[in-house]
Amino acid sequence: MTRRDFSERDIHLALDNELPGDERAGYEAWLEASPEMKARSARYVSDNRALRAAFADVLDEPVPARLHNVVIGEAARPTSASRSKWWLAAAAVLLLGLGGMGGYFAGAIGLGLEDGPAGRLAEEAIAAHVIYAAEKRHAVEVPASDRDHMQTWLSNRVGLKLVAPDLTDDGFELVGGRLLPAAGSSKAAMLLYEDAGGNRVSLFVTSESAPKTAGVYNEDEGGPTAVYWLDRGYGCAVVGSLPDGRLNEVAKRAYKQLVSGIWS
């Protein structure tokens, strides 16, 4: 039996049947000795099954022509940074799709998500988060204690119906909100949330008429990440420095509630 230090990476290798056979026994022993990693492995197995079930109808479909053309060089190849951001976006589609929004996100995803309105939205949301999430006394203009007024005021100023999602199931409490400038002469609303550990996430919402899309954007390694979507005149992004899985769960819950409030 091969003995070495195992990590979360080996969980993914095992799930993909890429873990060397002579390391399997040692890996299984490591899982048994680590309840946290064993639970994580079980969760990944469950997620994998859910993804396969959600996309069962399209798994065997031929590769779309536009993607085939990229591979064989008949379309402009993205830079390494673009490729990285595109694959992040694809991961977000899969993770968010588990919450029942798979049809929307799967239909919205495309190449070059970091360009144009989507990239601008994500960059604005990250910039606002970097500035105000670090503020202790002046992070928001209207506190959560005046939630109804905050929603009405921001909705009127931004020109969109705005509902502040309840993220308590994810451990986050609403701190409050503020009005911000956005691209051109537009305005944006930022809602700030905080958990018991002091971690903060923000929801950035502005008017955006671009075609629907969704993805993930990260400007700097180690910096905050934006999970964003554009649909029906809304541009939204959830920003934070949480582990990818947790940030996607928060974004998924925020999106469901915001959409429910918009279209109710």
C-alpha atoms as a PDB file:
ATOM      1  CA  MET A   1       0.000   0.000   0.000  1.00  0.00           C
ATOM      2  CA  THR A   2       1.402   3.386  -0.989  1.00  0.00           C
ATOM      3  CA  ARG A   3       1.541   5.839   1.904  1.00  0.00           C
ATOM      4  CA  ARG A   4       1.523   9.573   1.303  1.00  0.00           C
ATOM      5  CA  ASP A   5      -0.312  12.695   2.332  1.00  0.00           C
ATOM      6  CA  PHE A   6      -3.687  12.991   0.632  1.00  0.00           C
ATOM      7  CA  SER A   7      -5.681  16.173  -0.020  1.00  0.00           C
ATOM      8  CA  GLU A   8      -8.982  17.352  -1.471  1.00  0.00           C
ATOM      9  CA  ARG A   9      -7.428  17.048  -4.930  1.00  0.00           C
ATOM     10  CA  ASP A  10      -7.310  13.280  -4.463  1.00  0.00           C
ATOM     11  CA  ILE A  11     -11.059  13.241  -3.811  1.00  0.00           C
ATOM     12  CA  HIS A  12     -11.600  14.623  -7.304  1.00  0.00           C
ATOM     13  CA  LEU A  13      -9.083  12.172  -8.777  1.00  0.00           C
ATOM     14  CA  ALA A  14     -10.917   9.305  -7.117  1.00  0.00           C
ATOM     15  CA  LEU A  15     -14.312  10.517  -8.350  1.00  0.00           C
ATOM     16  CA  ASP A  16     -12.920  10.764 -11.884  1.00  0.00           C
ATOM     17  CA  ASN A  17     -11.338   7.290 -11.610  1.00  0.00           C
ATOM     18  CA  GLU A  18      -7.904   8.858 -12.050  1.00  0.00           C
ATOM     19  CA  LEU A  19      -6.424   7.885  -8.672  1.00  0.00           C
ATOM     20  CA  PRO A  20      -3.674   5.268  -9.177  1.00  0.00           C
ATOM     21  CA  GLY A  21      -4.787   1.805  -8.122  1.00  0.00           C
ATOM     22  CA  ASP A  22      -1.892   1.304  -5.703  1.00  0.00           C
ATOM     23  CA  GLU A  23      -2.968   4.440  -3.822  1.00  0.00           C
ATOM     24  CA  ARG A  24      -6.619   3.470  -3.432  1.00  0.00           C
ATOM     25  CA  ALA A  25      -6.207   1.616  -0.114  1.00  0.00           C
ATOM     26  CA  GLY A  26      -4.241   4.461   1.417  1.00  0.00           C
ATOM     27  CA  TYR A  27      -6.804   6.953   0.144  1.00  0.00           C
ATOM     28  CA  GLU A  28      -9.706   4.997   1.656  1.00  0.00           C
ATOM     29  CA  ALA A  29      -7.858   4.805   4.989  1.00  0.00           C
ATOM     30  CA  TRP A  30      -7.279   8.550   4.863  1.00  0.00           C
ATOM     31  CA  LEU A  31     -10.984   9.164   4.274  1.00  0.00           C
ATOM     32  CA  GLU A  32     -11.952   6.962   7.207  1.00  0.00           C
ATOM     33  CA  ALA A  33      -9.558   8.880   9.458  1.00  0.00           C
ATOM     34  CA  SER A  34     -10.926  12.258   8.347  1.00  0.00           C
ATOM     35  CA  PRO A  35     -14.704  12.647   8.891  1.00  0.00           C
ATOM     36  CA  GLU A  36     -14.638  16.105   7.293  1.00  0.00           C
ATOM     37  CA  MET A  37     -13.027  14.855   4.075  1.00  0.00           C
ATOM     38  CA  LYS A  38     -15.243  11.778   4.034  1.00  0.00           C
ATOM     39  CA  ALA A  39     -18.327  13.989   4.255  1.00  0.00           C
ATOM     40  CA  ARG A  40     -16.923  16.239   1.529  1.00  0.00           C
ATOM     41  CA  SER A  41     -16.340  13.224  -0.704  1.00  0.00           C
ATOM     42  CA  ALA A  42     -19.924  12.059  -0.137  1.00  0.00           C
ATOM     43  CA  ARG A  43     -21.193  15.535  -1.003  1.00  0.00           C
ATOM     44  CA  TYR A  44     -19.174  15.600  -4.231  1.00  0.00           C
ATOM     45  CA  VAL A  45     -20.544  12.186  -5.181  1.00  0.00           C
ATOM     46  CA  SER A  46     -24.080  13.467  -4.579  1.00  0.00           C
ATOM     47  CA  ASP A  47     -23.415  16.645  -6.586  1.00  0.00           C
ATOM     48  CA  ASN A  48     -21.969  14.601  -9.435  1.00  0.00           C
ATOM     49  CA  ARG A  49     -25.065  12.421  -9.571  1.00  0.00           C
ATOM     50  CA  ALA A  50     -27.329  15.474  -9.480  1.00  0.00           C
ATOM     51  CA  LEU A  51     -25.412  17.104 -12.328  1.00  0.00           C
ATOM     52  CA  ARG A  52     -25.617  13.989 -14.454  1.00  0.00           C
ATOM     53  CA  ALA A  53     -29.331  13.713 -13.791  1.00  0.00           C
ATOM     54  CA  ALA A  54     -29.905  17.400 -14.572  1.00  0.00           C
ATOM     55  CA  PHE A  55     -28.035  17.225 -17.891  1.00  0.00           C
ATOM     56  CA  ALA A  56     -28.859  13.642 -18.848  1.00  0.00           C
ATOM     57  CA  ASP A  57     -30.726  14.760 -21.966  1.00  0.00           C
ATOM     58  CA  VAL A  58     -27.752  16.629 -23.434  1.00  0.00           C
ATOM     59  CA  LEU A  59     -24.713  14.642 -22.286  1.00  0.00           C
ATOM     60  CA  ASP A  60     -24.648  12.601 -25.483  1.00  0.00           C
ATOM     61  CA  GLU A  61     -25.415  15.461 -27.868  1.00  0.00           C
ATOM     62  CA  PRO A  62     -22.710  16.410 -30.410  1.00  0.00           C
ATOM     63  CA  VAL A  63     -20.395  19.306 -29.580  1.00  0.00           C
ATOM     64  CA  PRO A  64     -21.882  22.614 -30.856  1.00  0.00           C
ATOM     65  CA  ALA A  65     -20.274  23.783 -34.096  1.00  0.00           C
ATOM     66  CA  ARG A  66     -19.069  27.083 -32.624  1.00  0.00           C
ATOM     67  CA  LEU A  67     -17.123  25.271 -29.906  1.00  0.00           C
ATOM     68  CA  HIS A  68     -15.779  22.743 -32.396  1.00  0.00           C
ATOM     69  CA  ASN A  69     -14.528  25.624 -34.542  1.00  0.00           C
ATOM     70  CA  VAL A  70     -12.692  27.142 -31.604  1.00  0.00           C
ATOM     71  CA  VAL A  71     -10.914  23.853 -30.933  1.00  0.00           C
ATOM     72  CA  ILE A  72      -9.798  23.344 -34.547  1.00  0.00           C
ATOM     73  CA  GLY A  73      -8.718  26.963 -34.922  1.00  0.00           C
ATOM     74  CA  GLU A  74     -11.446  28.367 -37.173  1.00  0.00           C
ATOM     75  CA  ALA A  75     -12.388  31.002 -34.594  1.00  0.00           C
ATOM     76  CA  ALA A  76     -10.290  33.412 -32.581  1.00  0.00           C
ATOM     77  CA  ARG A  77      -8.641  31.581 -29.720  1.00  0.00           C
ATOM     78  CA  PRO A  78      -9.139  33.189 -26.306  1.00  0.00           C
ATOM     79  CA  THR A  79      -6.134  34.283 -24.275  1.00  0.00           C
ATOM     80  CA  SER A  80      -5.087  32.187 -21.287  1.00  0.00           C
ATOM     81  CA  ALA A  81      -6.859  34.661 -19.008  1.00  0.00           C
ATOM     82  CA  SER A  82     -10.015  34.414 -21.105  1.00  0.00           C
ATOM     83  CA  ARG A  83      -9.895  30.630 -21.029  1.00  0.00           C
ATOM     84  CA  SER A  84      -9.551  30.688 -17.269  1.00  0.00           C
ATOM     85  CA  LYS A  85     -12.520  33.008 -16.847  1.00  0.00           C
ATOM     86  CA  TRP A  86     -14.595  31.015 -19.351  1.00  0.00           C
ATOM     87  CA  TRP A  87     -14.081  27.791 -17.427  1.00  0.00           C
ATOM     88  CA  LEU A  88     -14.936  29.572 -14.174  1.00  0.00           C
ATOM     89  CA  ALA A  89     -18.155  30.696 -15.830  1.00  0.00           C
ATOM     90  CA  ALA A  90     -18.938  27.167 -16.966  1.00  0.00           C
ATOM     91  CA  ALA A  91     -18.403  25.880 -13.419  1.00  0.00           C
ATOM     92  CA  ALA A  92     -20.819  28.467 -12.108  1.00  0.00           C
ATOM     93  CA  VAL A  93     -23.475  27.363 -14.570  1.00  0.00           C
ATOM     94  CA  LEU A  94     -23.247  23.788 -13.343  1.00  0.00           C
ATOM     95  CA  LEU A  95     -23.261  24.684  -9.665  1.00  0.00           C
ATOM     96  CA  LEU A  96     -26.085  27.192  -9.923  1.00  0.00           C
ATOM     97  CA  GLY A  97     -28.085  24.878 -12.158  1.00  0.00           C
ATOM     98  CA  LEU A  98     -28.508  22.410  -9.293  1.00  0.00           C
ATOM     99  CA  GLY A  99     -30.940  24.791  -7.672  1.00  0.00           C
ATOM    100  CA  GLY A 100     -33.574  24.452 -10.368  1.00  0.00           C
ATOM    101  CA  MET A 101     -32.245  27.277 -12.562  1.00  0.00           C
ATOM    102  CA  GLY A 102     -30.331  24.925 -14.864  1.00  0.00           C
ATOM    103  CA  GLY A 103     -32.410  25.776 -17.918  1.00  0.00           C
ATOM    104  CA  TYR A 104     -31.743  29.499 -17.575  1.00  0.00           C
ATOM    105  CA  PHE A 105     -28.045  29.295 -16.839  1.00  0.00           C
ATOM    106  CA  ALA A 106     -27.325  26.524 -19.341  1.00  0.00           C
ATOM    107  CA  GLY A 107     -29.061  28.555 -22.041  1.00  0.00           C
ATOM    108  CA  ALA A 108     -27.298  31.766 -21.093  1.00  0.00           C
ATOM    109  CA  ILE A 109     -23.677  30.699 -21.002  1.00  0.00           C
ATOM    110  CA  GLY A 110     -21.379  31.660 -23.878  1.00  0.00           C
ATOM    111  CA  LEU A 111     -17.793  32.364 -24.852  1.00  0.00           C
ATOM    112  CA  GLY A 112     -16.141  35.644 -23.893  1.00  0.00           C
ATOM    113  CA  LEU A 113     -18.260  36.328 -20.820  1.00  0.00           C
ATOM    114  CA  GLU A 114     -15.622  38.628 -19.396  1.00  0.00           C
ATOM    115  CA  ASP A 115     -16.119  41.117 -22.245  1.00  0.00           C
ATOM    116  CA  GLY A 116     -18.853  43.733 -22.685  1.00  0.00           C
ATOM    117  CA  PRO A 117     -21.728  44.370 -20.278  1.00  0.00           C
ATOM    118  CA  ALA A 118     -21.192  41.185 -18.243  1.00  0.00           C
ATOM    119  CA  GLY A 119     -17.540  41.941 -17.563  1.00  0.00           C
ATOM    120  CA  ARG A 120     -18.300  45.591 -16.817  1.00  0.00           C
ATOM    121  CA  LEU A 121     -21.023  44.572 -14.363  1.00  0.00           C
ATOM    122  CA  ALA A 122     -18.723  42.135 -12.589  1.00  0.00           C
ATOM    123  CA  GLU A 123     -15.899  44.674 -12.380  1.00  0.00           C
ATOM    124  CA  GLU A 124     -18.190  47.382 -10.991  1.00  0.00           C
ATOM    125  CA  ALA A 125     -19.620  44.973  -8.433  1.00  0.00           C
ATOM    126  CA  ILE A 126     -16.161  43.875  -7.289  1.00  0.00           C
ATOM    127  CA  ALA A 127     -14.916  47.474  -7.070  1.00  0.00           C
ATOM    128  CA  ALA A 128     -17.896  48.468  -4.921  1.00  0.00           C
ATOM    129  CA  HIS A 129     -17.426  45.433  -2.688  1.00  0.00           C
ATOM    130  CA  VAL A 130     -13.719  46.144  -2.160  1.00  0.00           C
ATOM    131  CA  ILE A 131     -14.485  49.703  -1.057  1.00  0.00           C
ATOM    132  CA  TYR A 132     -17.540  49.232   1.124  1.00  0.00           C
ATOM    133  CA  ALA A 133     -17.231  45.716   2.530  1.00  0.00           C
ATOM    134  CA  ALA A 134     -14.147  46.917   4.395  1.00  0.00           C
ATOM    135  CA  GLU A 135     -15.985  49.847   5.977  1.00  0.00           C
ATOM    136  CA  LYS A 136     -17.080  49.347   9.573  1.00  0.00           C
ATOM    137  CA  ARG A 137     -19.160  52.465  10.290  1.00  0.00           C
ATOM    138  CA  HIS A 138     -20.157  53.739   6.847  1.00  0.00           C
ATOM    139  CA  ALA A 139     -20.576  50.583   4.763  1.00  0.00           C
ATOM    140  CA  VAL A 140     -24.258  51.313   4.047  1.00  0.00           C
ATOM    141  CA  GLU A 141     -26.530  54.344   3.742  1.00  0.00           C
ATOM    142  CA  VAL A 142     -29.714  52.683   4.979  1.00  0.00           C
ATOM    143  CA  PRO A 143     -29.465  50.031   7.730  1.00  0.00           C
ATOM    144  CA  ALA A 144     -31.282  46.705   7.710  1.00  0.00           C
ATOM    145  CA  SER A 145     -33.520  47.966  10.513  1.00  0.00           C
ATOM    146  CA  ASP A 146     -35.204  50.156   7.871  1.00  0.00           C
ATOM    147  CA  ARG A 147     -35.468  47.370   5.297  1.00  0.00           C
ATOM    148  CA  ASP A 148     -38.827  48.370   3.751  1.00  0.00           C
ATOM    149  CA  HIS A 149     -37.731  51.969   3.192  1.00  0.00           C
ATOM    150  CA  MET A 150     -34.386  50.768   1.807  1.00  0.00           C
ATOM    151  CA  GLN A 151     -36.069  48.505  -0.754  1.00  0.00           C
ATOM    152  CA  THR A 152     -38.504  51.203  -1.869  1.00  0.00           C
ATOM    153  CA  TRP A 153     -35.849  53.930  -2.033  1.00  0.00           C
ATOM    154  CA  LEU A 154     -33.343  51.833  -3.985  1.00  0.00           C
ATOM    155  CA  SER A 155     -36.032  50.495  -6.317  1.00  0.00           C
ATOM    156  CA  ASN A 156     -37.121  54.049  -7.170  1.00  0.00           C
ATOM    157  CA  ARG A 157     -33.595  55.329  -7.674  1.00  0.00           C
ATOM    158  CA  VAL A 158     -32.351  52.381  -9.737  1.00  0.00           C
ATOM    159  CA  GLY A 159     -35.602  52.080 -11.677  1.00  0.00           C
ATOM    160  CA  LEU A 160     -36.017  48.377 -10.937  1.00  0.00           C
ATOM    161  CA  LYS A 161     -38.104  46.419  -8.484  1.00  0.00           C
ATOM    162  CA  LEU A 162     -35.658  45.362  -5.790  1.00  0.00           C
ATOM    163  CA  VAL A 163     -36.164  42.754  -3.090  1.00  0.00           C
ATOM    164  CA  ALA A 164     -33.466  42.177  -0.456  1.00  0.00           C
ATOM    165  CA  PRO A 165     -32.947  38.391  -0.302  1.00  0.00           C
ATOM    166  CA  ASP A 166     -33.048  36.624   3.063  1.00  0.00           C
ATOM    167  CA  LEU A 167     -29.700  34.813   3.371  1.00  0.00           C
ATOM    168  CA  THR A 168     -30.009  33.686   6.996  1.00  0.00           C
ATOM    169  CA  ASP A 169     -30.026  30.035   5.906  1.00  0.00           C
ATOM    170  CA  ASP A 170     -26.519  30.665   4.570  1.00  0.00           C
ATOM    171  CA  GLY A 171     -25.484  32.327   7.834  1.00  0.00           C
ATOM    172  CA  PHE A 172     -25.643  35.906   6.537  1.00  0.00           C
ATOM    173  CA  GLU A 173     -27.627  38.789   7.998  1.00  0.00           C
ATOM    174  CA  LEU A 174     -28.494  41.929   6.053  1.00  0.00           C
ATOM    175  CA  VAL A 175     -26.373  44.916   7.090  1.00  0.00           C
ATOM    176  CA  GLY A 176     -28.123  47.411   4.824  1.00  0.00           C
ATOM    177  CA  GLY A 177     -27.852  48.990   1.410  1.00  0.00           C
ATOM    178  CA  ARG A 178     -26.584  51.968  -0.534  1.00  0.00           C
ATOM    179  CA  LEU A 179     -26.942  53.701  -3.891  1.00  0.00           C
ATOM    180  CA  LEU A 180     -23.982  53.715  -6.275  1.00  0.00           C
ATOM    181  CA  PRO A 181     -23.173  55.062  -9.744  1.00  0.00           C
ATOM    182  CA  ALA A 182     -22.998  52.507 -12.562  1.00  0.00           C
ATOM    183  CA  ALA A 183     -21.869  52.527 -16.186  1.00  0.00           C
ATOM    184  CA  GLY A 184     -22.914  55.592 -18.148  1.00  0.00           C
ATOM    185  CA  SER A 185     -25.585  57.503 -16.283  1.00  0.00           C
ATOM    186  CA  SER A 186     -27.057  54.413 -14.636  1.00  0.00           C
ATOM    187  CA  LYS A 187     -27.403  53.802 -10.921  1.00  0.00           C
ATOM    188  CA  ALA A 188     -26.859  50.610  -8.948  1.00  0.00           C
ATOM    189  CA  ALA A 189     -27.981  49.271  -5.596  1.00  0.00           C
ATOM    190  CA  MET A 190     -25.622  47.392  -3.317  1.00  0.00           C
ATOM    191  CA  LEU A 191     -26.945  45.239  -0.484  1.00  0.00           C
ATOM    192  CA  LEU A 192     -24.401  44.146   2.104  1.00  0.00           C
ATOM    193  CA  TYR A 193     -24.570  40.985   4.227  1.00  0.00           C
ATOM    194  CA  GLU A 194     -22.366  39.683   7.055  1.00  0.00           C
ATOM    195  CA  ASP A 195     -21.994  36.335   8.818  1.00  0.00           C
ATOM    196  CA  ALA A 196     -21.058  35.586  12.434  1.00  0.00           C
ATOM    197  CA  GLY A 197     -17.384  35.357  11.457  1.00  0.00           C
ATOM    198  CA  GLY A 198     -17.338  38.846   9.978  1.00  0.00           C
ATOM    199  CA  ASN A 199     -17.271  37.645   6.364  1.00  0.00           C
ATOM    200  CA  ARG A 200     -19.200  39.933   4.059  1.00  0.00           C
ATOM    201  CA  VAL A 201     -20.904  39.393   0.716  1.00  0.00           C
ATOM    202  CA  SER A 202     -22.657  42.001  -1.393  1.00  0.00           C
ATOM    203  CA  LEU A 203     -25.443  41.922  -3.971  1.00  0.00           C
ATOM    204  CA  PHE A 204     -24.980  44.488  -6.743  1.00  0.00           C
ATOM    205  CA  VAL A 205     -28.040  45.233  -8.913  1.00  0.00           C
ATOM    206  CA  THR A 206     -28.342  47.612 -11.840  1.00  0.00           C
ATOM    207  CA  SER A 207     -30.362  48.060 -15.034  1.00  0.00           C
ATOM    208  CA  GLU A 208     -28.899  46.128 -17.963  1.00  0.00           C
ATOM    209  CA  SER A 209     -30.508  45.497 -21.354  1.00  0.00           C
ATOM    210  CA  ALA A 210     -27.855  43.089 -22.666  1.00  0.00           C
ATOM    211  CA  PRO A 211     -28.838  39.514 -23.613  1.00  0.00           C
ATOM    212  CA  LYS A 212     -29.123  37.087 -20.729  1.00  0.00           C
ATOM    213  CA  THR A 213     -25.961  35.406 -19.541  1.00  0.00           C
ATOM    214  CA  ALA A 214     -24.352  34.171 -16.330  1.00  0.00           C
ATOM    215  CA  GLY A 215     -20.886  33.363 -15.073  1.00  0.00           C
ATOM    216  CA  VAL A 216     -18.095  33.936 -12.579  1.00  0.00           C
ATOM    217  CA  TYR A 217     -15.439  36.650 -12.675  1.00  0.00           C
ATOM    218  CA  ASN A 218     -12.309  37.139 -10.601  1.00  0.00           C
ATOM    219  CA  GLU A 219      -9.902  39.992 -11.264  1.00  0.00           C
ATOM    220  CA  ASP A 220      -7.039  38.976  -8.977  1.00  0.00           C
ATOM    221  CA  GLU A 221      -6.060  35.667  -7.433  1.00  0.00           C
ATOM    222  CA  GLY A 222      -6.946  35.868  -3.767  1.00  0.00           C
ATOM    223  CA  GLY A 223      -9.329  38.778  -4.354  1.00  0.00           C
ATOM    224  CA  PRO A 224     -13.138  38.749  -4.234  1.00  0.00           C
ATOM    225  CA  THR A 225     -15.111  36.828  -6.846  1.00  0.00           C
ATOM    226  CA  ALA A 226     -18.339  37.885  -8.555  1.00  0.00           C
ATOM    227  CA  VAL A 227     -21.041  35.402  -9.531  1.00  0.00           C
ATOM    228  CA  TYR A 228     -23.181  37.336 -11.997  1.00  0.00           C
ATOM    229  CA  TRP A 229     -26.232  37.052 -14.224  1.00  0.00           C
ATOM    230  CA  LEU A 230     -28.025  39.327 -16.691  1.00  0.00           C
ATOM    231  CA  ASP A 231     -31.700  38.759 -17.489  1.00  0.00           C
ATOM    232  CA  ARG A 232     -34.844  40.728 -18.374  1.00  0.00           C
ATOM    233  CA  GLY A 233     -33.327  44.151 -17.846  1.00  0.00           C
ATOM    234  CA  TYR A 234     -31.499  43.266 -14.631  1.00  0.00           C
ATOM    235  CA  GLY A 235     -27.762  42.995 -14.100  1.00  0.00           C
ATOM    236  CA  CYS A 236     -26.890  41.326 -10.778  1.00  0.00           C
ATOM    237  CA  ALA A 237     -23.732  40.085  -9.082  1.00  0.00           C
ATOM    238  CA  VAL A 238     -23.028  38.468  -5.730  1.00  0.00           C
ATOM    239  CA  VAL A 239     -19.485  39.280  -4.602  1.00  0.00           C
ATOM    240  CA  GLY A 240     -17.402  37.840  -1.790  1.00  0.00           C
ATOM    241  CA  SER A 241     -14.172  36.137  -0.776  1.00  0.00           C
ATOM    242  CA  LEU A 242     -15.777  32.872   0.287  1.00  0.00           C
ATOM    243  CA  PRO A 243     -14.780  29.399  -0.900  1.00  0.00           C
ATOM    244  CA  ASP A 244     -16.227  28.838  -4.390  1.00  0.00           C
ATOM    245  CA  GLY A 245     -18.833  26.321  -3.267  1.00  0.00           C
ATOM    246  CA  ARG A 246     -20.198  28.540  -0.523  1.00  0.00           C
ATOM    247  CA  LEU A 247     -20.281  31.674  -2.688  1.00  0.00           C
ATOM    248  CA  ASN A 248     -22.204  29.792  -5.370  1.00  0.00           C
ATOM    249  CA  GLU A 249     -24.741  28.583  -2.809  1.00  0.00           C
ATOM    250  CA  VAL A 250     -25.257  32.143  -1.548  1.00  0.00           C
ATOM    251  CA  ALA A 251     -25.590  33.433  -5.116  1.00  0.00           C
ATOM    252  CA  LYS A 252     -28.063  30.697  -5.987  1.00  0.00           C
ATOM    253  CA  ARG A 253     -30.273  31.537  -3.015  1.00  0.00           C
ATOM    254  CA  ALA A 254     -30.059  35.283  -3.688  1.00  0.00           C
ATOM    255  CA  TYR A 255     -30.933  34.793  -7.362  1.00  0.00           C
ATOM    256  CA  LYS A 256     -33.986  32.656  -6.596  1.00  0.00           C
ATOM    257  CA  GLN A 257     -35.383  35.192  -4.144  1.00  0.00           C
ATOM    258  CA  LEU A 258     -34.622  38.206  -6.302  1.00  0.00           C
ATOM    259  CA  VAL A 259     -36.266  36.628  -9.329  1.00  0.00           C
ATOM    260  CA  SER A 260     -39.264  35.568  -7.243  1.00  0.00           C
ATOM    261  CA  GLY A 261     -39.655  39.129  -5.985  1.00  0.00           C
ATOM    262  CA  ILE A 262     -39.199  40.669  -9.434  1.00  0.00           C
ATOM    263  CA  TRP A 263     -41.745  38.505 -11.172  1.00  0.00           C
ATOM    264  CA  SER A 264     -44.261  38.115  -8.329  1.00  0.00           C
END
